[in-house]
Amino acid sequence: LFLLKCDSVIVMGTATSGCVRATVVDAFSHNLRVTVVEDGCFERCQA
């Protein structure tokens, strides 16, 4: 991301509560702007 000079990430994938959330929190912690695509994420448990 540094090499590409990115200032932000647009995140999709799975699992919403696990790998997506952990990635989002770390991106936030690196002071990147983060967008999560609601209908581009999924999870085994609906709640």
All heavy atoms as atom14 arrays in JSON, in Angstrom:
{
  "sequence": "LFLLKCDSVIVMGTATSGCVRATVVDAFSHNLRVTVVEDGCFERCQA",
  "atom14_mask": [
    [1, 1, 1, 1, 1, 1, 1, 1, 0, 0, 0, 0, 0, 0],
    [1, 1, 1, 1, 1, 1, 1, 1, 1, 1, 1, 0, 0, 0],
    [1, 1, 1, 1, 1, 1, 1, 1, 0, 0, 0, 0, 0, 0],
    [1, 1, 1, 1, 1, 1, 1, 1, 0, 0, 0, 0, 0, 0],
    [1, 1, 1, 1, 1, 1, 1, 1, 1, 0, 0, 0, 0, 0],
    [1, 1, 1, 1, 1, 1, 0, 0, 0, 0, 0, 0, 0, 0],
    [1, 1, 1, 1, 1, 1, 1, 1, 0, 0, 0, 0, 0, 0],
    [1, 1, 1, 1, 1, 1, 0, 0, 0, 0, 0, 0, 0, 0],
    [1, 1, 1, 1, 1, 1, 1, 0, 0, 0, 0, 0, 0, 0],
    [1, 1, 1, 1, 1, 1, 1, 1, 0, 0, 0, 0, 0, 0],
    [1, 1, 1, 1, 1, 1, 1, 0, 0, 0, 0, 0, 0, 0],
    [1, 1, 1, 1, 1, 1, 1, 1, 0, 0, 0, 0, 0, 0],
    [1, 1, 1, 1, 0, 0, 0, 0, 0, 0, 0, 0, 0, 0],
    [1, 1, 1, 1, 1, 1, 1, 0, 0, 0, 0, 0, 0, 0],
    [1, 1, 1, 1, 1, 0, 0, 0, 0, 0, 0, 0, 0, 0],
    [1, 1, 1, 1, 1, 1, 1, 0, 0, 0, 0, 0, 0, 0],
    [1, 1, 1, 1, 1, 1, 0, 0, 0, 0, 0, 0, 0, 0],
    [1, 1, 1, 1, 0, 0, 0, 0, 0, 0, 0, 0, 0, 0],
    [1, 1, 1, 1, 1, 1, 0, 0, 0, 0, 0, 0, 0, 0],
    [1, 1, 1, 1, 1, 1, 1, 0, 0, 0, 0, 0, 0, 0],
    [1, 1, 1, 1, 1, 1, 1, 1, 1, 1, 1, 0, 0, 0],
    [1, 1, 1, 1, 1, 0, 0, 0, 0, 0, 0, 0, 0, 0],
    [1, 1, 1, 1, 1, 1, 1, 0, 0, 0, 0, 0, 0, 0],
    [1, 1, 1, 1, 1, 1, 1, 0, 0, 0, 0, 0, 0, 0],
    [1, 1, 1, 1, 1, 1, 1, 0, 0, 0, 0, 0, 0, 0],
    [1, 1, 1, 1, 1, 1, 1, 1, 0, 0, 0, 0, 0, 0],
    [1, 1, 1, 1, 1, 0, 0, 0, 0, 0, 0, 0, 0, 0],
    [1, 1, 1, 1, 1, 1, 1, 1, 1, 1, 1, 0, 0, 0],
    [1, 1, 1, 1, 1, 1, 0, 0, 0, 0, 0, 0, 0, 0],
    [1, 1, 1, 1, 1, 1, 1, 1, 1, 1, 0, 0, 0, 0],
    [1, 1, 1, 1, 1, 1, 1, 1, 0, 0, 0, 0, 0, 0],
    [1, 1, 1, 1, 1, 1, 1, 1, 0, 0, 0, 0, 0, 0],
    [1, 1, 1, 1, 1, 1, 1, 1, 1, 1, 1, 0, 0, 0],
    [1, 1, 1, 1, 1, 1, 1, 0, 0, 0, 0, 0, 0, 0],
    [1, 1, 1, 1, 1, 1, 1, 0, 0, 0, 0, 0, 0, 0],
    [1, 1, 1, 1, 1, 1, 1, 0, 0, 0, 0, 0, 0, 0],
    [1, 1, 1, 1, 1, 1, 1, 0, 0, 0, 0, 0, 0, 0],
    [1, 1, 1, 1, 1, 1, 1, 1, 1, 0, 0, 0, 0, 0],
    [1, 1, 1, 1, 1, 1, 1, 1, 0, 0, 0, 0, 0, 0],
    [1, 1, 1, 1, 0, 0, 0, 0, 0, 0, 0, 0, 0, 0],
    [1, 1, 1, 1, 1, 1, 0, 0, 0, 0, 0, 0, 0, 0],
    [1, 1, 1, 1, 1, 1, 1, 1, 1, 1, 1, 0, 0, 0],
    [1, 1, 1, 1, 1, 1, 1, 1, 1, 0, 0, 0, 0, 0],
    [1, 1, 1, 1, 1, 1, 1, 1, 1, 1, 1, 0, 0, 0],
    [1, 1, 1, 1, 1, 1, 0, 0, 0, 0, 0, 0, 0, 0],
    [1, 1, 1, 1, 1, 1, 1, 1, 1, 0, 0, 0, 0, 0],
    [1, 1, 1, 1, 1, 0, 0, 0, 0, 0, 0, 0, 0, 0]
  ],
  "atom14_positions": [
    [[0.83, -1.2, 0.0], [0.0, 0.0, 0.0], [0.87, 1.26, 0.0], [0.55, 2.26, -0.66], [-0.93, 0.0, 1.21], [-2.01, -1.09, 1.22], [-2.75, -1.09, 2.56], [-2.98, -0.92, 0.07], [0.0, 0.0, 0.0], [0.0, 0.0, 0.0], [0.0, 0.0, 0.0], [0.0, 0.0, 0.0], [0.0, 0.0, 0.0], [0.0, 0.0, 0.0]],
    [[1.97, 1.2, 0.73], [2.92, 2.32, 0.74], [3.54, 2.51, -0.64], [3.65, 3.64, -1.15], [4.0, 2.07, 1.78], [4.99, 3.2, 1.94], [4.68, 4.3, 2.72], [6.22, 3.17, 1.31], [5.57, 5.36, 2.86], [7.11, 4.21, 1.44], [6.8, 5.31, 2.22], [0.0, 0.0, 0.0], [0.0, 0.0, 0.0], [0.0, 0.0, 0.0]],
    [[3.95, 1.41, -1.27], [4.55, 1.49, -2.6], [3.57, 2.07, -3.62], [3.96, 2.84, -4.51], [4.98, 0.08, -3.04], [5.65, -0.06, -4.42], [6.97, 0.7, -4.46], [5.87, -1.54, -4.74], [0.0, 0.0, 0.0], [0.0, 0.0, 0.0], [0.0, 0.0, 0.0], [0.0, 0.0, 0.0], [0.0, 0.0, 0.0], [0.0, 0.0, 0.0]],
    [[2.3, 1.7, -3.49], [1.27, 2.19, -4.41], [0.77, 3.58, -4.05], [-0.03, 4.16, -4.78], [0.08, 1.21, -4.39], [0.34, -0.16, -5.03], [-0.71, -1.16, -4.57], [0.37, -0.06, -6.55], [0.0, 0.0, 0.0], [0.0, 0.0, 0.0], [0.0, 0.0, 0.0], [0.0, 0.0, 0.0], [0.0, 0.0, 0.0], [0.0, 0.0, 0.0]],
    [[1.21, 4.1, -2.91], [0.79, 5.43, -2.41], [-0.73, 5.47, -2.17], [-1.39, 6.47, -2.43], [1.22, 6.54, -3.36], [2.72, 6.65, -3.55], [3.07, 7.79, -4.5], [4.58, 7.98, -4.61], [5.25, 6.8, -5.21], [0.0, 0.0, 0.0], [0.0, 0.0, 0.0], [0.0, 0.0, 0.0], [0.0, 0.0, 0.0], [0.0, 0.0, 0.0]],
    [[-1.27, 4.38, -1.64], [-2.69, 4.31, -1.31], [-2.97, 5.05, -0.01], [-2.19, 4.96, 0.95], [-3.15, 2.86, -1.17], [-3.09, 1.91, -2.7], [0.0, 0.0, 0.0], [0.0, 0.0, 0.0], [0.0, 0.0, 0.0], [0.0, 0.0, 0.0], [0.0, 0.0, 0.0], [0.0, 0.0, 0.0], [0.0, 0.0, 0.0], [0.0, 0.0, 0.0]],
    [[-4.08, 5.75, 0.04], [-4.5, 6.41, 1.27], [-5.75, 5.78, 1.86], [-6.27, 6.24, 2.88], [-4.73, 7.91, 1.04], [-5.88, 8.2, 0.08], [-6.44, 7.24, -0.52], [-6.23, 9.39, -0.07], [0.0, 0.0, 0.0], [0.0, 0.0, 0.0], [0.0, 0.0, 0.0], [0.0, 0.0, 0.0], [0.0, 0.0, 0.0], [0.0, 0.0, 0.0]],
    [[-6.22, 4.7, 1.22], [-7.51, 4.14, 1.63], [-7.67, 2.73, 1.06], [-6.99, 2.36, 0.1], [-8.66, 5.03, 1.14], [-8.54, 5.28, -0.26], [0.0, 0.0, 0.0], [0.0, 0.0, 0.0], [0.0, 0.0, 0.0], [0.0, 0.0, 0.0], [0.0, 0.0, 0.0], [0.0, 0.0, 0.0], [0.0, 0.0, 0.0], [0.0, 0.0, 0.0]],
    [[-8.59, 1.99, 1.66], [-8.93, 0.67, 1.15], [-10.45, 0.51, 1.11], [-11.17, 1.05, 1.95], [-8.32, -0.47, 2.0], [-6.82, -0.55, 1.81], [-8.67, -0.31, 3.48], [0.0, 0.0, 0.0], [0.0, 0.0, 0.0], [0.0, 0.0, 0.0], [0.0, 0.0, 0.0], [0.0, 0.0, 0.0], [0.0, 0.0, 0.0], [0.0, 0.0, 0.0]],
    [[-10.91, -0.2, 0.1], [-12.31, -0.59, -0.04], [-12.34, -2.09, 0.15], [-11.75, -2.84, -0.61], [-12.86, -0.2, -1.42], [-12.84, 1.32, -1.59], [-14.29, -0.74, -1.6], [-13.17, 1.81, -2.99], [0.0, 0.0, 0.0], [0.0, 0.0, 0.0], [0.0, 0.0, 0.0], [0.0, 0.0, 0.0], [0.0, 0.0, 0.0], [0.0, 0.0, 0.0]],
    [[-13.02, -2.54, 1.21], [-12.91, -3.92, 1.67], [-14.18, -4.71, 1.37], [-15.3, -4.24, 1.62], [-12.62, -3.98, 3.19], [-12.46, -5.42, 3.65], [-11.37, -3.16, 3.52], [0.0, 0.0, 0.0], [0.0, 0.0, 0.0], [0.0, 0.0, 0.0], [0.0, 0.0, 0.0], [0.0, 0.0, 0.0], [0.0, 0.0, 0.0], [0.0, 0.0, 0.0]],
    [[-13.98, -5.93, 0.85], [-15.07, -6.89, 0.67], [-14.55, -8.26, 1.09], [-13.35, -8.48, 1.18], [-15.53, -6.93, -0.79], [-16.13, -5.65, -1.3], [-16.76, -5.78, -2.99], [-15.23, -5.78, -3.93], [0.0, 0.0, 0.0], [0.0, 0.0, 0.0], [0.0, 0.0, 0.0], [0.0, 0.0, 0.0], [0.0, 0.0, 0.0], [0.0, 0.0, 0.0]],
    [[-15.47, -9.19, 1.36], [-15.03, -10.54, 1.65], [-15.67, -11.14, 2.88], [-16.8, -10.82, 3.25], [0.0, 0.0, 0.0], [0.0, 0.0, 0.0], [0.0, 0.0, 0.0], [0.0, 0.0, 0.0], [0.0, 0.0, 0.0], [0.0, 0.0, 0.0], [0.0, 0.0, 0.0], [0.0, 0.0, 0.0], [0.0, 0.0, 0.0], [0.0, 0.0, 0.0]],
    [[-14.91, -12.01, 3.55], [-15.46, -12.83, 4.62], [-14.37, -13.21, 5.62], [-13.19, -13.12, 5.3], [-16.09, -14.1, 4.0], [-16.84, -14.8, 4.98], [-15.03, -15.03, 3.44], [0.0, 0.0, 0.0], [0.0, 0.0, 0.0], [0.0, 0.0, 0.0], [0.0, 0.0, 0.0], [0.0, 0.0, 0.0], [0.0, 0.0, 0.0], [0.0, 0.0, 0.0]],
    [[-14.71, -13.65, 6.79], [-16.02, -13.55, 7.41], [-16.14, -12.15, 8.02], [-15.18, -11.62, 8.57], [-16.21, -14.61, 8.48], [0.0, 0.0, 0.0], [0.0, 0.0, 0.0], [0.0, 0.0, 0.0], [0.0, 0.0, 0.0], [0.0, 0.0, 0.0], [0.0, 0.0, 0.0], [0.0, 0.0, 0.0], [0.0, 0.0, 0.0], [0.0, 0.0, 0.0]],
    [[-17.32, -11.59, 7.92], [-17.53, -10.22, 8.36], [-17.04, -9.99, 9.78], [-16.37, -8.99, 10.07], [-19.03, -9.88, 8.28], [-19.54, -10.27, 7.01], [-19.25, -8.4, 8.5], [0.0, 0.0, 0.0], [0.0, 0.0, 0.0], [0.0, 0.0, 0.0], [0.0, 0.0, 0.0], [0.0, 0.0, 0.0], [0.0, 0.0, 0.0], [0.0, 0.0, 0.0]],
    [[-17.35, -10.92, 10.67], [-17.0, -10.74, 12.08], [-15.57, -11.11, 12.4], [-15.08, -10.82, 13.49], [-17.93, -11.59, 12.96], [-17.71, -12.97, 12.72], [0.0, 0.0, 0.0], [0.0, 0.0, 0.0], [0.0, 0.0, 0.0], [0.0, 0.0, 0.0], [0.0, 0.0, 0.0], [0.0, 0.0, 0.0], [0.0, 0.0, 0.0], [0.0, 0.0, 0.0]],
    [[-14.88, -11.78, 11.46], [-13.54, -12.27, 11.72], [-12.49, -11.57, 10.89], [-11.98, -10.52, 11.27], [0.0, 0.0, 0.0], [0.0, 0.0, 0.0], [0.0, 0.0, 0.0], [0.0, 0.0, 0.0], [0.0, 0.0, 0.0], [0.0, 0.0, 0.0], [0.0, 0.0, 0.0], [0.0, 0.0, 0.0], [0.0, 0.0, 0.0], [0.0, 0.0, 0.0]],
    [[-12.17, -12.16, 9.73], [-11.07, -11.64, 8.92], [-11.36, -10.25, 8.35], [-10.46, -9.42, 8.24], [-10.74, -12.63, 7.81], [-10.13, -14.21, 8.44], [0.0, 0.0, 0.0], [0.0, 0.0, 0.0], [0.0, 0.0, 0.0], [0.0, 0.0, 0.0], [0.0, 0.0, 0.0], [0.0, 0.0, 0.0], [0.0, 0.0, 0.0], [0.0, 0.0, 0.0]],
    [[-12.61, -9.99, 7.98], [-12.95, -8.65, 7.48], [-12.79, -7.63, 8.59], [-12.13, -6.6, 8.43], [-14.37, -8.62, 6.89], [-14.82, -7.18, 6.64], [-14.43, -9.42, 5.6], [0.0, 0.0, 0.0], [0.0, 0.0, 0.0], [0.0, 0.0, 0.0], [0.0, 0.0, 0.0], [0.0, 0.0, 0.0], [0.0, 0.0, 0.0], [0.0, 0.0, 0.0]],
    [[-13.38, -7.9, 9.73], [-13.3, -6.94, 10.84], [-11.86, -6.73, 11.29], [-11.43, -5.59, 11.5], [-14.14, -7.4, 12.02], [-14.07, -6.38, 13.17], [-14.92, -6.78, 14.35], [-14.71, -5.81, 15.41], [-15.68, -5.17, 16.05], [-16.93, -5.36, 15.73], [-15.39, -4.31, 17.01], [0.0, 0.0, 0.0], [0.0, 0.0, 0.0], [0.0, 0.0, 0.0]],
    [[-11.08, -7.81, 11.43], [-9.69, -7.67, 11.86], [-8.9, -6.83, 10.87], [-8.08, -5.99, 11.26], [-9.05, -9.05, 12.01], [0.0, 0.0, 0.0], [0.0, 0.0, 0.0], [0.0, 0.0, 0.0], [0.0, 0.0, 0.0], [0.0, 0.0, 0.0], [0.0, 0.0, 0.0], [0.0, 0.0, 0.0], [0.0, 0.0, 0.0], [0.0, 0.0, 0.0]],
    [[-9.15, -7.03, 9.58], [-8.46, -6.26, 8.54], [-8.87, -4.8, 8.6], [-8.03, -3.89, 8.48], [-8.79, -6.86, 7.17], [-8.27, -8.2, 7.11], [-8.18, -6.04, 6.04], [0.0, 0.0, 0.0], [0.0, 0.0, 0.0], [0.0, 0.0, 0.0], [0.0, 0.0, 0.0], [0.0, 0.0, 0.0], [0.0, 0.0, 0.0], [0.0, 0.0, 0.0]],
    [[-10.16, -4.55, 8.79], [-10.66, -3.17, 8.87], [-10.06, -2.43, 10.06], [-9.62, -1.28, 9.95], [-12.21, -3.17, 8.93], [-12.75, -1.81, 9.38], [-12.78, -3.55, 7.58], [0.0, 0.0, 0.0], [0.0, 0.0, 0.0], [0.0, 0.0, 0.0], [0.0, 0.0, 0.0], [0.0, 0.0, 0.0], [0.0, 0.0, 0.0], [0.0, 0.0, 0.0]],
    [[-10.03, -3.08, 11.21], [-9.47, -2.43, 12.41], [-7.99, -2.12, 12.21], [-7.51, -1.04, 12.59], [-9.7, -3.31, 13.65], [-8.95, -2.75, 14.85], [-11.18, -3.42, 13.97], [0.0, 0.0, 0.0], [0.0, 0.0, 0.0], [0.0, 0.0, 0.0], [0.0, 0.0, 0.0], [0.0, 0.0, 0.0], [0.0, 0.0, 0.0], [0.0, 0.0, 0.0]],
    [[-7.25, -3.04, 11.6], [-5.82, -2.78, 11.36], [-5.62, -1.67, 10.32], [-4.71, -0.85, 10.46], [-5.12, -4.06, 10.92], [-4.72, -4.92, 12.1], [-4.96, -4.5, 13.26], [-4.16, -6.01, 11.88], [0.0, 0.0, 0.0], [0.0, 0.0, 0.0], [0.0, 0.0, 0.0], [0.0, 0.0, 0.0], [0.0, 0.0, 0.0], [0.0, 0.0, 0.0]],
    [[-6.45, -1.65, 9.28], [-6.35, -0.57, 8.3], [-6.63, 0.78, 8.97], [-5.9, 1.76, 8.75], [-7.33, -0.81, 7.16], [0.0, 0.0, 0.0], [0.0, 0.0, 0.0], [0.0, 0.0, 0.0], [0.0, 0.0, 0.0], [0.0, 0.0, 0.0], [0.0, 0.0, 0.0], [0.0, 0.0, 0.0], [0.0, 0.0, 0.0], [0.0, 0.0, 0.0]],
    [[-7.66, 0.83, 9.79], [-7.98, 2.03, 10.56], [-6.79, 2.41, 11.45], [-6.45, 3.59, 11.58], [-9.22, 1.74, 11.41], [-9.5, 2.74, 12.49], [-10.25, 3.88, 12.23], [-9.03, 2.55, 13.78], [-10.52, 4.8, 13.24], [-9.29, 3.45, 14.79], [-10.05, 4.58, 14.52], [0.0, 0.0, 0.0], [0.0, 0.0, 0.0], [0.0, 0.0, 0.0]],
    [[-6.15, 1.42, 12.06], [-5.04, 1.68, 12.96], [-3.83, 2.24, 12.22], [-2.99, 2.91, 12.83], [-4.65, 0.39, 13.7], [-5.73, -0.09, 14.48], [0.0, 0.0, 0.0], [0.0, 0.0, 0.0], [0.0, 0.0, 0.0], [0.0, 0.0, 0.0], [0.0, 0.0, 0.0], [0.0, 0.0, 0.0], [0.0, 0.0, 0.0], [0.0, 0.0, 0.0]],
    [[-3.74, 1.97, 10.93], [-2.68, 2.53, 10.09], [-3.09, 3.88, 9.48], [-2.4, 4.38, 8.58], [-2.3, 1.55, 8.98], [-1.48, 0.39, 9.45], [-0.16, 0.52, 9.84], [-1.78, -0.92, 9.59], [0.31, -0.67, 10.2], [-0.65, -1.56, 10.06], [0.0, 0.0, 0.0], [0.0, 0.0, 0.0], [0.0, 0.0, 0.0], [0.0, 0.0, 0.0]],
    [[-4.19, 4.43, 9.95], [-4.68, 5.73, 9.49], [-5.06, 5.75, 8.02], [-4.93, 6.78, 7.34], [-3.67, 6.84, 9.8], [-3.56, 7.12, 11.28], [-4.55, 7.1, 12.01], [-2.34, 7.36, 11.75], [0.0, 0.0, 0.0], [0.0, 0.0, 0.0], [0.0, 0.0, 0.0], [0.0, 0.0, 0.0], [0.0, 0.0, 0.0], [0.0, 0.0, 0.0]],
    [[-5.54, 4.62, 7.53], [-6.13, 4.56, 6.2], [-7.63, 4.84, 6.32], [-8.26, 4.46, 7.31], [-5.93, 3.17, 5.58], [-4.49, 2.78, 5.27], [-4.39, 1.27, 5.05], [-3.98, 3.52, 4.04], [0.0, 0.0, 0.0], [0.0, 0.0, 0.0], [0.0, 0.0, 0.0], [0.0, 0.0, 0.0], [0.0, 0.0, 0.0], [0.0, 0.0, 0.0]],
    [[-8.18, 5.49, 5.33], [-9.64, 5.6, 5.27], [-10.18, 4.25, 4.78], [-9.65, 3.68, 3.83], [-10.08, 6.73, 4.33], [-9.76, 8.11, 4.88], [-10.27, 9.2, 3.97], [-9.93, 10.51, 4.5], [-10.71, 11.23, 5.3], [-11.91, 10.77, 5.63], [-10.33, 12.41, 5.75], [0.0, 0.0, 0.0], [0.0, 0.0, 0.0], [0.0, 0.0, 0.0]],
    [[-11.22, 3.78, 5.43], [-11.73, 2.44, 5.15], [-13.2, 2.5, 4.76], [-14.02, 3.11, 5.45], [-11.57, 1.51, 6.37], [-11.95, 0.08, 5.99], [-10.15, 1.56, 6.92], [0.0, 0.0, 0.0], [0.0, 0.0, 0.0], [0.0, 0.0, 0.0], [0.0, 0.0, 0.0], [0.0, 0.0, 0.0], [0.0, 0.0, 0.0], [0.0, 0.0, 0.0]],
    [[-13.51, 1.86, 3.64], [-14.89, 1.65, 3.22], [-15.15, 0.15, 3.18], [-14.34, -0.61, 2.65], [-15.15, 2.25, 1.82], [-14.89, 3.66, 1.85], [-16.58, 2.01, 1.38], [0.0, 0.0, 0.0], [0.0, 0.0, 0.0], [0.0, 0.0, 0.0], [0.0, 0.0, 0.0], [0.0, 0.0, 0.0], [0.0, 0.0, 0.0], [0.0, 0.0, 0.0]],
    [[-16.26, -0.28, 3.73], [-16.68, -1.68, 3.67], [-17.93, -1.75, 2.8], [-18.88, -1.0, 3.01], [-16.97, -2.24, 5.07], [-17.49, -3.67, 4.99], [-15.73, -2.17, 5.95], [0.0, 0.0, 0.0], [0.0, 0.0, 0.0], [0.0, 0.0, 0.0], [0.0, 0.0, 0.0], [0.0, 0.0, 0.0], [0.0, 0.0, 0.0], [0.0, 0.0, 0.0]],
    [[-17.91, -2.65, 1.83], [-19.06, -2.82, 0.94], [-20.05, -3.77, 1.6], [-19.78, -4.97, 1.74], [-18.61, -3.35, -0.44], [-19.83, -3.46, -1.38], [-17.55, -2.44, -1.05], [0.0, 0.0, 0.0], [0.0, 0.0, 0.0], [0.0, 0.0, 0.0], [0.0, 0.0, 0.0], [0.0, 0.0, 0.0], [0.0, 0.0, 0.0], [0.0, 0.0, 0.0]],
    [[-21.18, -3.23, 2.02], [-22.13, -4.0, 2.83], [-22.56, -5.29, 2.15], [-22.54, -6.37, 2.77], [-23.36, -3.13, 3.13], [-24.41, -3.81, 3.97], [-25.57, -2.89, 4.3], [-25.35, -1.69, 4.49], [-26.71, -3.4, 4.39], [0.0, 0.0, 0.0], [0.0, 0.0, 0.0], [0.0, 0.0, 0.0], [0.0, 0.0, 0.0], [0.0, 0.0, 0.0]],
    [[-22.97, -5.22, 0.89], [-23.44, -6.41, 0.18], [-22.32, -7.18, -0.49], [-22.57, -8.16, -1.2], [-24.53, -6.05, -0.84], [-24.19, -4.85, -1.7], [-23.38, -4.0, -1.29], [-24.75, -4.73, -2.81], [0.0, 0.0, 0.0], [0.0, 0.0, 0.0], [0.0, 0.0, 0.0], [0.0, 0.0, 0.0], [0.0, 0.0, 0.0], [0.0, 0.0, 0.0]],
    [[-21.07, -6.77, -0.25], [-19.92, -7.49, -0.73], [-19.22, -8.28, 0.37], [-18.12, -8.79, 0.17], [0.0, 0.0, 0.0], [0.0, 0.0, 0.0], [0.0, 0.0, 0.0], [0.0, 0.0, 0.0], [0.0, 0.0, 0.0], [0.0, 0.0, 0.0], [0.0, 0.0, 0.0], [0.0, 0.0, 0.0], [0.0, 0.0, 0.0], [0.0, 0.0, 0.0]],
    [[-19.86, -8.35, 1.55], [-19.33, -9.12, 2.68], [-20.35, -10.2, 3.05], [-21.55, -10.05, 2.82], [-19.08, -8.22, 3.88], [-17.78, -7.0, 3.63], [0.0, 0.0, 0.0], [0.0, 0.0, 0.0], [0.0, 0.0, 0.0], [0.0, 0.0, 0.0], [0.0, 0.0, 0.0], [0.0, 0.0, 0.0], [0.0, 0.0, 0.0], [0.0, 0.0, 0.0]],
    [[-19.86, -11.27, 3.65], [-20.77, -12.33, 4.07], [-20.19, -13.08, 5.27], [-19.02, -12.93, 5.6], [-21.08, -13.3, 2.92], [-19.87, -13.93, 2.27], [-19.42, -15.18, 2.67], [-19.2, -13.27, 1.25], [-18.32, -15.76, 2.06], [-18.1, -13.85, 0.62], [-17.65, -15.1, 1.04], [0.0, 0.0, 0.0], [0.0, 0.0, 0.0], [0.0, 0.0, 0.0]],
    [[-21.05, -13.88, 5.88], [-20.74, -14.48, 7.18], [-21.65, -15.68, 7.37], [-22.77, -15.72, 6.85], [-20.99, -13.42, 8.26], [-21.09, -13.88, 9.67], [-19.75, -14.2, 10.29], [-19.01, -13.27, 10.68], [-19.46, -15.41, 10.4], [0.0, 0.0, 0.0], [0.0, 0.0, 0.0], [0.0, 0.0, 0.0], [0.0, 0.0, 0.0], [0.0, 0.0, 0.0]],
    [[-21.21, -16.67, 8.12], [-22.05, -17.83, 8.42], [-23.26, -17.46, 9.28], [-24.36, -17.95, 9.08], [-21.23, -18.89, 9.16], [-20.16, -19.55, 8.32], [-19.24, -20.4, 9.15], [-18.49, -19.6, 10.13], [-17.38, -18.93, 9.84], [-16.91, -18.94, 8.6], [-16.74, -18.23, 10.76], [0.0, 0.0, 0.0], [0.0, 0.0, 0.0], [0.0, 0.0, 0.0]],
    [[-23.06, -16.62, 10.26], [-24.1, -16.26, 11.24], [-24.67, -14.88, 10.91], [-23.93, -13.89, 10.85], [-23.55, -16.29, 12.65], [-22.94, -17.91, 13.15], [0.0, 0.0, 0.0], [0.0, 0.0, 0.0], [0.0, 0.0, 0.0], [0.0, 0.0, 0.0], [0.0, 0.0, 0.0], [0.0, 0.0, 0.0], [0.0, 0.0, 0.0], [0.0, 0.0, 0.0]],
    [[-25.95, -14.8, 10.71], [-26.57, -13.55, 10.29], [-26.44, -12.45, 11.33], [-26.19, -11.29, 11.0], [-28.05, -13.8, 9.96], [-28.24, -14.69, 8.75], [-29.69, -15.09, 8.52], [-30.49, -15.16, 9.47], [-30.04, -15.35, 7.28], [0.0, 0.0, 0.0], [0.0, 0.0, 0.0], [0.0, 0.0, 0.0], [0.0, 0.0, 0.0], [0.0, 0.0, 0.0]],
    [[-26.59, -12.8, 12.61], [-26.48, -11.79, 13.66], [-25.06, -11.23, 13.73], [-24.86, -10.01, 13.84], [-26.89, -12.36, 15.0], [0.0, 0.0, 0.0], [0.0, 0.0, 0.0], [0.0, 0.0, 0.0], [0.0, 0.0, 0.0], [0.0, 0.0, 0.0], [0.0, 0.0, 0.0], [0.0, 0.0, 0.0], [0.0, 0.0, 0.0], [0.0, 0.0, 0.0]]
  ]
}
